N, C-alpha and C. Protein backbone atom coordinates (compact mmCIF):
# COMPACT_ATOMS: atom_id res chain seq x y z
N GLN A 1 12.01 15.95 -0.29
CA GLN A 1 10.71 15.59 0.23
C GLN A 1 9.88 14.89 -0.84
N VAL A 2 9.11 13.93 -0.40
CA VAL A 2 8.13 13.25 -1.25
C VAL A 2 6.80 13.34 -0.56
N GLN A 3 5.80 13.76 -1.29
CA GLN A 3 4.45 13.77 -0.76
C GLN A 3 3.67 12.63 -1.40
N VAL A 4 2.94 11.90 -0.58
CA VAL A 4 2.14 10.80 -1.09
C VAL A 4 0.72 10.94 -0.59
N VAL A 5 -0.22 10.64 -1.46
CA VAL A 5 -1.64 10.75 -1.13
C VAL A 5 -2.35 9.48 -1.58
N GLU A 6 -2.97 8.80 -0.63
CA GLU A 6 -3.70 7.58 -0.94
C GLU A 6 -5.15 7.88 -1.30
N SER A 7 -5.72 7.00 -2.08
CA SER A 7 -7.14 7.08 -2.41
C SER A 7 -7.63 5.68 -2.77
N GLY A 8 -8.94 5.55 -2.84
CA GLY A 8 -9.52 4.29 -3.29
C GLY A 8 -10.11 3.42 -2.21
N GLY A 9 -9.98 3.84 -0.96
CA GLY A 9 -10.57 3.05 0.10
C GLY A 9 -12.08 3.12 0.09
N GLY A 10 -12.70 2.30 0.92
CA GLY A 10 -14.15 2.31 0.99
C GLY A 10 -14.68 1.10 1.71
N LEU A 11 -15.98 0.91 1.58
CA LEU A 11 -16.68 -0.22 2.20
C LEU A 11 -16.98 -1.26 1.13
N VAL A 12 -16.63 -2.49 1.40
CA VAL A 12 -16.85 -3.57 0.45
C VAL A 12 -17.25 -4.83 1.20
N GLN A 13 -18.02 -5.68 0.58
CA GLN A 13 -18.41 -6.94 1.20
C GLN A 13 -17.27 -7.95 1.09
N ALA A 14 -17.26 -8.88 2.01
CA ALA A 14 -16.27 -9.95 1.96
C ALA A 14 -16.32 -10.64 0.60
N GLY A 15 -15.14 -10.92 0.06
CA GLY A 15 -15.04 -11.50 -1.27
C GLY A 15 -14.91 -10.50 -2.39
N GLY A 16 -15.13 -9.26 -2.07
CA GLY A 16 -15.06 -8.20 -3.07
C GLY A 16 -13.64 -7.71 -3.30
N SER A 17 -13.54 -6.67 -4.12
CA SER A 17 -12.24 -6.12 -4.51
C SER A 17 -12.23 -4.61 -4.37
N LEU A 18 -11.04 -4.10 -4.15
CA LEU A 18 -10.78 -2.66 -4.16
C LEU A 18 -9.40 -2.44 -4.75
N ARG A 19 -9.21 -1.30 -5.37
CA ARG A 19 -7.88 -0.91 -5.81
C ARG A 19 -7.50 0.41 -5.16
N LEU A 20 -6.46 0.38 -4.39
CA LEU A 20 -5.94 1.59 -3.78
C LEU A 20 -4.90 2.22 -4.70
N SER A 21 -4.88 3.52 -4.68
CA SER A 21 -3.88 4.27 -5.44
C SER A 21 -3.10 5.17 -4.50
N CYS A 22 -1.87 5.43 -4.87
CA CYS A 22 -1.03 6.33 -4.10
C CYS A 22 -0.29 7.22 -5.09
N ALA A 23 -0.64 8.48 -5.09
CA ALA A 23 -0.01 9.44 -5.98
C ALA A 23 1.11 10.16 -5.26
N ALA A 24 2.27 10.22 -5.90
CA ALA A 24 3.44 10.83 -5.28
C ALA A 24 3.85 12.08 -6.04
N SER A 25 4.41 13.01 -5.32
CA SER A 25 4.94 14.22 -5.92
C SER A 25 6.19 14.64 -5.14
N GLY A 26 6.94 15.52 -5.75
CA GLY A 26 8.17 15.97 -5.11
C GLY A 26 9.37 15.42 -5.84
N ARG A 27 10.20 14.71 -5.14
CA ARG A 27 11.40 14.16 -5.75
C ARG A 27 11.09 13.02 -6.71
N THR A 28 12.08 12.58 -7.45
CA THR A 28 11.88 11.60 -8.50
C THR A 28 11.29 10.32 -7.94
N PHE A 29 10.10 10.02 -8.39
CA PHE A 29 9.34 8.88 -7.88
C PHE A 29 10.11 7.58 -8.06
N SER A 30 10.76 7.43 -9.20
CA SER A 30 11.43 6.16 -9.49
C SER A 30 12.68 5.92 -8.64
N ASN A 31 13.05 6.89 -7.84
CA ASN A 31 14.17 6.70 -6.92
C ASN A 31 13.77 5.97 -5.65
N TYR A 32 12.48 5.71 -5.46
CA TYR A 32 11.97 5.19 -4.20
C TYR A 32 11.27 3.86 -4.37
N ALA A 33 11.58 2.96 -3.45
CA ALA A 33 10.71 1.80 -3.27
C ALA A 33 9.44 2.29 -2.59
N MET A 34 8.33 1.68 -2.94
CA MET A 34 7.04 2.11 -2.41
C MET A 34 6.37 0.95 -1.67
N GLY A 35 5.90 1.25 -0.49
CA GLY A 35 5.28 0.22 0.32
C GLY A 35 3.87 0.57 0.73
N TRP A 36 3.11 -0.46 1.05
CA TRP A 36 1.79 -0.31 1.65
C TRP A 36 1.83 -0.95 3.03
N PHE A 37 1.27 -0.26 3.98
CA PHE A 37 1.13 -0.73 5.34
C PHE A 37 -0.34 -0.58 5.75
N ARG A 38 -0.73 -1.23 6.83
CA ARG A 38 -2.09 -1.07 7.31
C ARG A 38 -2.12 -1.14 8.82
N GLN A 39 -3.13 -0.45 9.36
CA GLN A 39 -3.31 -0.42 10.81
C GLN A 39 -4.77 -0.66 11.13
N ALA A 40 -5.03 -1.78 11.77
CA ALA A 40 -6.38 -2.10 12.22
C ALA A 40 -6.64 -1.44 13.57
N PRO A 41 -7.89 -1.25 13.92
CA PRO A 41 -8.20 -0.61 15.21
C PRO A 41 -7.56 -1.34 16.38
N GLY A 42 -6.86 -0.59 17.22
CA GLY A 42 -6.25 -1.17 18.40
C GLY A 42 -4.99 -1.97 18.15
N LYS A 43 -4.50 -1.94 16.93
CA LYS A 43 -3.31 -2.73 16.60
C LYS A 43 -2.20 -1.84 16.05
N GLU A 44 -1.02 -2.39 15.99
CA GLU A 44 0.09 -1.66 15.42
C GLU A 44 0.00 -1.66 13.89
N ARG A 45 0.72 -0.73 13.31
CA ARG A 45 0.76 -0.67 11.85
C ARG A 45 1.66 -1.79 11.33
N ASP A 46 1.16 -2.50 10.33
CA ASP A 46 1.87 -3.67 9.81
C ASP A 46 2.17 -3.52 8.32
N PHE A 47 3.24 -4.17 7.92
CA PHE A 47 3.62 -4.22 6.51
C PHE A 47 2.61 -5.04 5.72
N VAL A 48 2.31 -4.58 4.50
CA VAL A 48 1.43 -5.32 3.59
C VAL A 48 2.19 -5.75 2.34
N ALA A 49 2.81 -4.78 1.64
CA ALA A 49 3.48 -5.08 0.38
C ALA A 49 4.46 -3.97 0.06
N VAL A 50 5.45 -4.32 -0.74
CA VAL A 50 6.43 -3.33 -1.19
C VAL A 50 6.85 -3.68 -2.61
N ILE A 51 7.16 -2.64 -3.38
CA ILE A 51 7.63 -2.83 -4.75
C ILE A 51 8.90 -2.03 -4.95
N SER A 52 9.80 -2.60 -5.71
CA SER A 52 11.09 -1.96 -5.94
C SER A 52 10.96 -0.74 -6.84
N ARG A 53 12.05 -0.01 -6.98
CA ARG A 53 12.02 1.26 -7.71
C ARG A 53 11.49 1.12 -9.13
N SER A 54 11.94 0.12 -9.84
CA SER A 54 11.51 -0.04 -11.22
C SER A 54 10.43 -1.09 -11.37
N GLY A 55 10.07 -1.75 -10.28
CA GLY A 55 8.90 -2.61 -10.29
C GLY A 55 9.07 -4.10 -10.46
N PRO A 56 10.25 -4.62 -10.75
CA PRO A 56 10.26 -6.06 -10.98
C PRO A 56 10.20 -6.90 -9.71
N THR A 57 10.48 -6.29 -8.58
CA THR A 57 10.54 -7.04 -7.33
C THR A 57 9.45 -6.56 -6.38
N ALA A 58 8.74 -7.51 -5.80
CA ALA A 58 7.70 -7.18 -4.85
C ALA A 58 7.67 -8.23 -3.74
N TYR A 59 7.34 -7.80 -2.56
CA TYR A 59 7.20 -8.70 -1.42
C TYR A 59 5.84 -8.44 -0.76
N TYR A 60 5.29 -9.49 -0.18
CA TYR A 60 3.98 -9.40 0.47
C TYR A 60 4.02 -10.07 1.82
N THR A 61 3.22 -9.58 2.74
CA THR A 61 3.01 -10.31 3.97
C THR A 61 2.22 -11.56 3.65
N ASP A 62 2.43 -12.60 4.43
CA ASP A 62 1.84 -13.91 4.10
C ASP A 62 0.33 -13.87 3.98
N SER A 63 -0.32 -13.07 4.80
CA SER A 63 -1.78 -13.09 4.84
C SER A 63 -2.44 -12.53 3.59
N VAL A 64 -1.68 -11.83 2.74
CA VAL A 64 -2.29 -11.26 1.54
C VAL A 64 -1.75 -11.89 0.26
N LYS A 65 -0.79 -12.79 0.36
CA LYS A 65 -0.22 -13.42 -0.83
C LYS A 65 -1.31 -14.14 -1.60
N GLY A 66 -1.30 -13.93 -2.91
CA GLY A 66 -2.30 -14.54 -3.77
C GLY A 66 -3.59 -13.76 -3.88
N ARG A 67 -3.77 -12.75 -3.02
CA ARG A 67 -4.99 -11.93 -3.06
C ARG A 67 -4.69 -10.48 -3.42
N PHE A 68 -3.58 -9.96 -2.98
CA PHE A 68 -3.21 -8.56 -3.23
C PHE A 68 -2.08 -8.51 -4.25
N THR A 69 -2.09 -7.48 -5.07
CA THR A 69 -1.01 -7.25 -6.03
C THR A 69 -0.60 -5.79 -5.98
N ILE A 70 0.68 -5.56 -5.79
CA ILE A 70 1.22 -4.20 -5.81
C ILE A 70 1.84 -3.95 -7.18
N SER A 71 1.63 -2.75 -7.69
CA SER A 71 2.21 -2.38 -8.98
C SER A 71 2.49 -0.88 -8.96
N ARG A 72 3.25 -0.43 -9.94
CA ARG A 72 3.54 0.99 -10.02
C ARG A 72 3.66 1.44 -11.45
N ASP A 73 3.37 2.70 -11.65
CA ASP A 73 3.49 3.35 -12.95
C ASP A 73 4.38 4.56 -12.74
N ASN A 74 5.65 4.43 -13.07
CA ASN A 74 6.58 5.53 -12.81
C ASN A 74 6.30 6.74 -13.69
N ALA A 75 5.69 6.53 -14.82
CA ALA A 75 5.35 7.68 -15.67
C ALA A 75 4.23 8.51 -15.05
N GLN A 76 3.40 7.86 -14.25
CA GLN A 76 2.28 8.55 -13.59
C GLN A 76 2.55 8.83 -12.12
N ASN A 77 3.75 8.46 -11.65
CA ASN A 77 4.11 8.68 -10.23
C ASN A 77 3.07 8.08 -9.29
N THR A 78 2.65 6.88 -9.61
CA THR A 78 1.57 6.26 -8.84
C THR A 78 1.89 4.80 -8.54
N VAL A 79 1.54 4.39 -7.35
CA VAL A 79 1.63 2.99 -6.98
C VAL A 79 0.22 2.51 -6.62
N TYR A 80 -0.04 1.25 -6.93
CA TYR A 80 -1.37 0.69 -6.74
C TYR A 80 -1.30 -0.53 -5.83
N LEU A 81 -2.42 -0.79 -5.19
CA LEU A 81 -2.59 -2.04 -4.46
C LEU A 81 -3.95 -2.61 -4.85
N GLN A 82 -3.91 -3.64 -5.67
CA GLN A 82 -5.14 -4.33 -6.07
C GLN A 82 -5.44 -5.37 -5.01
N MET A 83 -6.60 -5.28 -4.42
CA MET A 83 -6.98 -6.18 -3.33
C MET A 83 -8.20 -6.98 -3.75
N ASN A 84 -8.03 -8.29 -3.87
CA ASN A 84 -9.11 -9.18 -4.26
C ASN A 84 -9.44 -10.13 -3.11
N SER A 85 -10.58 -10.76 -3.20
CA SER A 85 -11.00 -11.74 -2.19
C SER A 85 -10.85 -11.16 -0.78
N LEU A 86 -11.35 -9.97 -0.61
CA LEU A 86 -11.17 -9.29 0.66
C LEU A 86 -11.89 -10.00 1.79
N LYS A 87 -11.28 -9.92 2.96
CA LYS A 87 -11.82 -10.56 4.17
C LYS A 87 -12.05 -9.49 5.24
N PRO A 88 -12.94 -9.75 6.18
CA PRO A 88 -13.15 -8.78 7.25
C PRO A 88 -11.86 -8.41 7.99
N GLU A 89 -10.95 -9.35 8.09
CA GLU A 89 -9.69 -9.06 8.78
C GLU A 89 -8.75 -8.14 7.99
N ASP A 90 -9.12 -7.82 6.77
CA ASP A 90 -8.37 -6.83 5.99
C ASP A 90 -8.79 -5.40 6.35
N THR A 91 -9.82 -5.27 7.15
CA THR A 91 -10.28 -3.94 7.55
C THR A 91 -9.18 -3.20 8.30
N ALA A 92 -8.86 -2.01 7.81
CA ALA A 92 -7.77 -1.23 8.40
C ALA A 92 -7.67 0.10 7.66
N VAL A 93 -6.87 0.98 8.22
CA VAL A 93 -6.42 2.15 7.48
C VAL A 93 -5.15 1.75 6.74
N TYR A 94 -5.16 1.98 5.44
CA TYR A 94 -4.03 1.60 4.60
C TYR A 94 -3.18 2.83 4.29
N TYR A 95 -1.88 2.67 4.49
CA TYR A 95 -0.94 3.77 4.29
C TYR A 95 0.05 3.43 3.19
N CYS A 96 0.36 4.42 2.41
CA CYS A 96 1.40 4.34 1.39
C CYS A 96 2.63 5.04 1.93
N ALA A 97 3.80 4.51 1.61
CA ALA A 97 5.03 5.12 2.10
C ALA A 97 6.16 4.92 1.11
N ALA A 98 7.14 5.83 1.16
CA ALA A 98 8.28 5.80 0.25
C ALA A 98 9.56 5.60 1.03
N ALA A 99 10.44 4.79 0.47
CA ALA A 99 11.72 4.49 1.11
C ALA A 99 12.83 4.45 0.06
N SER A 100 14.03 4.73 0.50
CA SER A 100 15.16 4.68 -0.41
C SER A 100 15.55 3.26 -0.77
N GLU A 101 15.27 2.34 0.15
CA GLU A 101 15.62 0.95 -0.08
C GLU A 101 14.39 0.08 0.14
N LEU A 102 14.39 -1.06 -0.51
CA LEU A 102 13.30 -2.03 -0.36
C LEU A 102 13.29 -2.54 1.08
N GLY A 103 12.15 -2.50 1.72
CA GLY A 103 12.08 -2.96 3.10
C GLY A 103 10.70 -3.48 3.46
N VAL A 104 10.66 -4.35 4.45
CA VAL A 104 9.39 -4.95 4.86
C VAL A 104 9.03 -4.56 6.29
N THR A 105 9.72 -3.56 6.82
CA THR A 105 9.33 -2.96 8.10
C THR A 105 9.24 -1.46 7.89
N GLU A 106 8.75 -0.76 8.91
CA GLU A 106 8.62 0.69 8.79
C GLU A 106 9.97 1.39 8.72
N TYR A 107 11.02 0.70 9.15
CA TYR A 107 12.35 1.30 9.15
C TYR A 107 12.73 1.71 7.73
N GLY A 108 13.13 2.93 7.56
CA GLY A 108 13.57 3.41 6.27
C GLY A 108 12.50 4.10 5.45
N TYR A 109 11.26 3.96 5.87
CA TYR A 109 10.18 4.66 5.16
C TYR A 109 10.04 6.06 5.77
N ASN A 110 10.50 7.03 5.02
CA ASN A 110 10.55 8.39 5.55
C ASN A 110 9.35 9.25 5.18
N TYR A 111 8.62 8.82 4.19
CA TYR A 111 7.52 9.63 3.69
C TYR A 111 6.24 8.80 3.69
N TRP A 112 5.22 9.35 4.37
CA TRP A 112 3.97 8.63 4.58
C TRP A 112 2.78 9.47 4.15
N GLY A 113 1.76 8.77 3.66
CA GLY A 113 0.51 9.45 3.38
C GLY A 113 -0.37 9.49 4.62
N GLN A 114 -1.55 10.03 4.45
CA GLN A 114 -2.47 10.19 5.57
C GLN A 114 -3.34 8.96 5.79
N GLY A 115 -3.33 8.05 4.84
CA GLY A 115 -4.08 6.81 4.98
C GLY A 115 -5.44 6.87 4.34
N THR A 116 -5.94 5.70 3.98
CA THR A 116 -7.28 5.56 3.43
C THR A 116 -7.94 4.36 4.10
N GLN A 117 -9.20 4.53 4.50
CA GLN A 117 -9.90 3.49 5.26
C GLN A 117 -10.45 2.43 4.32
N VAL A 118 -10.19 1.19 4.66
CA VAL A 118 -10.79 0.05 3.97
C VAL A 118 -11.59 -0.73 5.00
N THR A 119 -12.87 -0.93 4.72
CA THR A 119 -13.74 -1.67 5.62
C THR A 119 -14.37 -2.81 4.84
N VAL A 120 -14.19 -4.02 5.34
CA VAL A 120 -14.73 -5.21 4.69
C VAL A 120 -15.80 -5.79 5.60
N SER A 121 -17.02 -5.83 5.12
CA SER A 121 -18.13 -6.34 5.91
C SER A 121 -18.31 -7.83 5.65
N SER A 122 -18.76 -8.53 6.67
CA SER A 122 -18.96 -9.99 6.54
C SER A 122 -20.36 -10.32 6.08
């Protein structure tokens, strides 16, 4: 089992920045690829970004490329999502999840956090 807990969400104006954190516990953190997903009101949960076990590989959904950066600190069992140039359409509940393999869909992500709300005002 892996437990993950997100933090860092909040209310920010368009153009602003937030950094989300996801703290993991349980099994060896470095054994898992870590992903961020988000769910806007009335919509399905969508992939945002994923980082490989040791961190050199990352993928992003097109709408956040150049604005969001995913990173991880395996010594601290934490993954981050730095979000810059935020837009109102980034408003969503953001979820952190762990998977055995790198993936850009929910398939394979067996461990999920409870989510953290990000609201971007115009």
